[in-house]
Amino acid sequence: FFFLVGAMFLRFLALYIFVYLVNGSFISSSRIENCVLDGSSSVEEASLMCEQKMVVTLVVSNAQEQTETVEAIVEEAIDSQGQTRRLESPMRIRLRKSESLVIYPINYVQRVNNKPSEEIVHSNLFTCEDDSGSQRPTCGWYTDELGYVVPHSQGYCCSCSLSQIIGISNEGSRGQLNCDLFGSNSASAHCLRFDELWYDAFNVGFSQTSYSIWVEAEINKYVQEQTQTTVESLTISPEKLTQITSDGELIAKLIGDFSPFEQHPVLAQKYMMIPSQPRNHPRVQEGIQNWMLVDKSDVELDGTVCNKIGISFEGFRNEYGACENVPGSCLRNQLDDLFHSDIAAASLGNTGDYLLGNFGEFEILEDEEH
């Protein structure tokens, strides 16, 4: 971290403070250098208008779960000739680092249902309707917000085969049909119904480490043979690399992090699932404790694959061998199933696989720029 403090001793000497984020805290060195303002100077350096600058190197601990404070008193520095020069008045520098946070940005993708289910409506061979041109299919039609019919929302019909009707086959049927020749339940309509609870799916970005470092410099100035003490302060962070006070007395610039590398969980292969609608649903109102992280391989957002989160009318209607399968054969492994799986694990004192709390302690940070 690179802090620039300007305008001490009647703008004769500027102060640069280097802060390294490692383990421990101490003053490593302080030296005096000439100010060189040329085409290679940064905007911050050019604003100091100094003849000389004092460079102070500090180290502050990278405490992940707590704050760290460093206070240093600078009394002398080594000049370019290797000579030690004492300051007429010591300078006090205070640094304070916040707790480190690991931030995962998320971006909205689409809405998915909590627990799609299958409704079975019994009918007969002559009255079950599932044609795409039917005005009144047995399952009915879903319509969108503009009133247009949603394709494939009419479900599909299953009926007794001829061999079942004449009694030479005892094969079962999806709707547990009565395959008597004159039976009233010789066909069934299979309809996809959505649960009232919906989740919003979000992509999870790569992690970013975030923290703040507050720098405060107590500077003595000599004005008309009198000492005046001023305190200048700024806050910098990985998101705000450079800060400067309005009077230009203190400039702070973050240049790096030299703490040992620490691997954080990579969540880019998961979706963040957040309960969103209806807002009065208990799982929505309880907030972040009900958020889940789900592998992307368990989700199919186009809805065409059975037993994946995001199943649609099209995927349900086009299930392979649907009428020979059991009810619900296309609707396994949904969000509600994963949620209750984690609840059951927690009741036995075990760690679940999906609820956000199983991955660490999280809180919500609003993006102030959007």
Foldseek 3Di string as FASTA:
>chain_A
DKKKFAQAANRAEIEIEAEAEAADKDWDAKAKDAQDDDPPDDPLSNVRNYGMYMYTYIYWYQAQAAKTKDKDKAFWHAYPVRDIDGDPDIKIKMKMKGHKDKDKDKAWDFKFFFFKFKDKDFFAPPQADQDQPDPQHPQGFDADPVGHTDPLQSADKDFDDPCVQVPVDPAAWQRRADSHVPDGRRMMGIGIDTDQWMWIKIAIHFIDMKMKMKMKMWGWHADPNDTDTDIDMDMAMPVRQWDADPVSRIIGGHDDHDYDDDDADGQRQWIWIATDPDCPDPLNVVPQQNIWTGGCVQADCVQQAFNHTNHDSNNNRPPPPVTSDYGCPRGHPGNNVLSVQQVVQVVVVHGGDIRPVSRDDDDDDDDPVD
